[in-house]
Protein backbone atom coordinates (compact mmCIF):
# COMPACT_ATOMS: atom_id res chain seq x y z
CA MET A 1 5.30 -7.62 -22.14
CA THR A 2 6.60 -7.82 -18.57
CA VAL A 3 4.91 -7.89 -15.17
CA ARG A 4 6.07 -4.85 -13.18
CA VAL A 5 5.16 -3.47 -9.75
CA TYR A 6 4.29 0.12 -8.82
CA VAL A 7 3.04 2.07 -5.82
CA LEU A 8 0.70 4.85 -6.89
CA PRO A 9 -2.32 6.87 -5.81
CA MET A 10 -5.92 5.78 -5.98
CA VAL A 11 -8.54 8.29 -7.04
CA ASP A 12 -12.28 8.67 -6.58
CA THR A 13 -14.27 9.41 -9.72
CA LEU A 14 -17.94 10.40 -9.58
CA ILE A 15 -19.82 9.10 -12.60
CA GLY A 16 -23.54 9.83 -12.44
CA ALA A 17 -24.63 9.06 -8.89
CA HIS A 18 -21.87 6.52 -8.28
CA ASN A 19 -18.38 6.98 -6.90
CA TYR A 20 -15.73 4.70 -8.40
CA ARG A 21 -12.34 4.15 -6.80
CA SER A 22 -9.46 3.07 -8.96
CA ALA A 23 -5.73 3.32 -9.60
CA LYS A 24 -4.77 6.73 -10.93
CA TYR A 25 -3.91 6.86 -14.65
CA PHE A 26 -6.05 3.79 -15.46
CA ARG A 27 -9.52 3.56 -16.97
CA VAL A 28 -12.47 4.23 -14.67
CA ARG A 29 -15.68 3.03 -16.31
CA ASP A 30 -16.12 5.40 -19.26
CA ASN A 31 -13.26 7.70 -18.25
CA PRO A 32 -10.22 6.95 -20.43
CA PRO A 33 -6.80 6.10 -19.02
CA LEU A 34 -3.68 8.19 -19.52
CA ALA A 35 -2.74 8.01 -23.20
CA GLY A 36 -0.63 4.93 -23.82
CA LEU A 37 -1.96 3.00 -20.82
CA GLU A 38 -4.90 1.39 -22.58
CA ASN A 39 -5.72 -2.30 -22.35
CA ILE A 40 -3.35 -3.19 -19.52
CA ALA A 41 -3.96 -6.28 -17.40
CA TYR A 42 -3.40 -5.34 -13.76
CA ASN A 43 -4.32 -6.09 -10.16
CA CYS A 44 -4.33 -3.70 -7.20
CA ILE A 45 -3.79 -4.15 -3.49
CA ASP A 46 -5.18 -1.07 -1.80
CA TYR A 47 -4.28 0.34 1.61
CA GLY A 48 -7.75 -0.04 3.03
CA MET A 49 -9.52 3.27 2.47
CA GLU A 50 -6.29 5.23 2.08
CA ASN A 51 -5.71 6.61 -1.41
CA VAL A 52 -2.74 4.47 -2.41
CA CYS A 53 -2.22 0.97 -3.79
CA ILE A 54 0.35 -1.51 -4.98
CA LEU A 55 -0.36 -2.11 -8.66
CA ILE A 56 0.97 -5.17 -10.46
CA ALA A 57 0.65 -4.80 -14.23
CA ASP A 58 1.68 -6.59 -17.41
CA VAL A 59 3.14 -3.72 -19.43
CA THR A 60 5.20 -3.02 -22.51
CA VAL A 61 8.44 -1.07 -22.29
CA ALA A 62 6.64 2.01 -23.60
CA GLN A 63 3.84 1.69 -21.03
CA HIS A 64 6.33 1.26 -18.21
CA THR A 65 8.14 4.40 -19.36
CA ILE A 66 4.89 6.39 -19.33
CA LEU A 67 3.81 5.16 -15.92
CA SER A 68 7.18 5.41 -14.18
CA ALA A 69 7.59 8.98 -15.47
CA GLN A 70 4.69 10.16 -13.30
CA THR A 71 6.01 11.99 -10.23
CA ASP A 72 3.55 10.30 -7.87
CA VAL A 73 4.42 6.77 -9.00
CA LEU A 74 7.12 4.62 -7.41
CA SER A 75 8.39 1.91 -9.77
CA ALA A 76 10.13 -1.27 -8.67
CA PRO A 77 12.86 -2.68 -10.92
CA GLN A 78 12.00 -5.59 -13.20
CA ASN A 79 13.95 -7.93 -10.92
CA ILE A 80 12.39 -7.36 -7.52
CA ASP A 81 14.86 -9.75 -5.92
CA ASN A 82 17.56 -7.09 -6.22
CA ASN A 83 18.60 -5.41 -2.98
CA LEU A 84 17.90 -1.72 -2.62
CA THR A 85 20.86 0.61 -3.07
CA ALA A 86 21.50 3.35 -0.51
CA GLY A 87 19.93 5.88 -2.86
CA ALA A 88 16.90 3.67 -3.42
CA VAL A 89 16.44 3.26 0.33
CA THR A 90 16.13 7.03 0.71
CA THR A 91 13.72 7.29 -2.24
CA VAL A 92 11.54 4.41 -1.04
CA LYS A 93 11.45 5.61 2.57
CA ASN A 94 10.49 9.16 1.61
CA PHE A 95 7.85 8.01 -0.86
CA LEU A 96 6.18 5.51 1.46
CA GLU A 97 6.32 7.75 4.52
CA SER A 98 4.62 10.56 2.57
CA LEU A 99 1.68 8.16 2.15
CA ASN A 100 1.52 7.18 5.84
CA ILE A 101 3.19 3.82 5.22
CA PRO A 102 5.82 3.09 7.91
CA ALA A 103 9.18 2.72 6.16
CA ASN A 104 11.91 3.68 8.61
CA TRP A 105 12.86 -0.02 8.73
CA VAL A 106 13.79 -0.22 5.02
CA SER A 107 17.53 -0.83 4.43
CA THR A 108 20.02 -2.07 1.86
CA ALA A 109 19.67 -5.53 3.41
CA ASP A 110 16.15 -5.69 1.95
CA THR A 111 15.17 -6.74 -1.54
CA TYR A 112 12.35 -4.97 -3.34
CA ARG A 113 10.31 -8.14 -2.88
CA ASP A 114 10.86 -7.95 0.90
CA VAL A 115 9.59 -4.38 1.00
CA LEU A 116 6.65 -4.95 -1.34
CA ARG A 117 5.60 -8.12 0.49
CA LEU A 118 5.52 -6.45 3.90
CA VAL A 119 3.74 -3.37 2.56
CA GLY A 120 1.30 -5.61 0.70
CA TRP A 121 0.44 -7.53 3.85
CA LEU A 122 0.02 -4.24 5.73
CA PHE A 123 -2.43 -3.18 3.02
CA GLN A 124 -4.29 -6.47 3.40
CA PHE A 125 -4.48 -5.93 7.15
CA MET A 126 -5.90 -2.44 6.66
CA GLN A 127 -8.55 -3.83 4.32
CA ARG A 128 -9.68 -6.03 7.19
CA VAL A 129 -9.62 -3.07 9.61
CA GLN A 130 -11.75 -0.90 7.40
CA GLY A 131 -14.18 -3.68 6.70
CA LEU A 132 -14.82 -3.53 10.44
CA ASN A 133 -14.79 0.26 10.71
CA PRO A 134 -15.39 2.14 7.44
CA GLU A 135 -13.45 5.30 8.21
CA LYS A 136 -10.02 6.35 7.02
CA LEU A 137 -7.27 5.89 9.54
CA PHE A 138 -5.17 8.80 8.35
CA VAL A 139 -7.61 11.69 8.57
CA ALA A 140 -6.13 14.90 10.02
CA PRO A 141 -4.69 15.18 12.57
CA ASN A 142 -3.72 11.47 12.46
CA THR A 143 -0.20 10.64 11.23
CA LEU A 144 2.22 7.79 11.79
CA SER A 145 3.16 9.56 15.03
CA THR A 146 -0.40 9.37 16.35
CA THR A 147 -0.73 7.00 19.29
CA TYR A 148 -3.25 4.23 19.72
CA GLY A 149 -4.80 6.14 22.61
CA GLN A 150 -5.41 9.17 20.38
CA LEU A 151 -7.52 7.21 17.89
CA SER A 152 -11.31 7.10 17.96
CA ALA A 153 -12.84 4.29 20.00
CA GLY A 154 -14.16 2.75 16.79
CA MET A 155 -10.73 2.69 15.16
CA GLN A 156 -9.08 1.28 18.28
CA ALA A 157 -11.65 -1.51 18.36
CA ALA A 158 -11.25 -2.23 14.63
CA LEU A 159 -7.46 -2.50 14.88
CA LEU A 160 -7.80 -4.86 17.82
CA GLN A 161 -10.50 -7.00 16.20
CA ALA A 162 -8.61 -7.22 12.90
CA ALA A 163 -5.43 -8.28 14.71
CA GLN A 164 -7.37 -10.88 16.68
CA SER A 165 -8.98 -12.21 13.49
CA PHE A 166 -5.47 -13.02 12.21
CA ALA A 167 -4.57 -14.53 15.62
CA PHE A 168 -1.86 -11.89 16.05
CA ASN A 169 -0.22 -10.91 19.32
CA THR A 170 -2.01 -7.71 20.36
CA THR A 171 0.10 -6.72 23.35
CA GLY A 172 1.63 -3.94 21.23
CA LEU A 173 -1.70 -2.12 21.03
CA GLN A 174 -0.88 0.16 23.93
CA SER A 175 -2.25 3.66 24.49
CA SER A 176 1.16 5.35 24.09
CA THR A 177 2.37 3.31 21.10
CA THR A 178 2.48 5.10 17.75
CA LEU A 179 0.81 3.89 14.57
CA ARG A 180 4.26 3.68 13.00
CA VAL A 181 5.25 0.99 15.51
CA ILE A 182 1.85 -0.73 15.64
CA LEU A 183 1.42 -1.12 11.88
CA LYS A 184 4.95 -2.42 11.34
CA ASN A 185 4.57 -4.88 14.22
CA LEU A 186 1.29 -6.21 12.85
CA ALA A 187 2.63 -6.53 9.30
CA ASP A 188 5.65 -8.41 10.65
CA GLN A 189 3.29 -11.01 12.11
CA PHE A 190 2.45 -12.25 8.63
CA ASN A 191 5.97 -13.74 8.94
CA ALA A 192 7.08 -12.93 5.37
CA ARG A 193 4.39 -15.26 4.02
CA PRO A 194 4.29 -15.08 0.19
CA LEU A 195 1.54 -12.76 -1.08
CA ASP A 196 -0.13 -13.82 -4.32
CA SER A 197 -1.33 -10.74 -6.22
CA GLY A 198 -2.77 -12.77 -9.09
CA LEU A 199 -0.13 -11.64 -11.57
CA MET A 200 2.92 -12.07 -9.32
CA VAL A 201 3.79 -13.61 -5.97
CA LEU A 202 5.44 -11.06 -3.69
């Protein structure tokens, strides 16, 4: 078995009176996983309350084939220290941007680990934000082009408080600055610190 990294949706499943949130294609309580994906050890880093996560899983070749064949799953190569090719840059940018993850910075100078680490830290930051303000950031009409000044007062305050809790520079939180710029700037302030997912260090 090999530890591999994926970006994939999260889903909400109502079982009885309780709502369970989990990585798509994996077991949710009594709901079975996609056939072939049973008994996999994995950890998730979710994007706050947004329905996407980085999933790090110890999988067989057959399980990797099943998971990577899903059209809404982005698979990293086994060696995440490889640089992205030009074609991979386009694929990664389009996939991440479709999920409201700023990715216009991704280039062939980046390794997959570089990209996954920054995105993982962004996800960690958003977990802090939504612990302070339990509402989704990307609810219509919000997109990456939405400015800080267009957000609700609660979301503005949560972004500011979360940034301050990490001792980040908050001068970029300006009324006319877009979420695309703000989120990338804040993720950059983790300074490429290694991110331990439990199964792999990004």
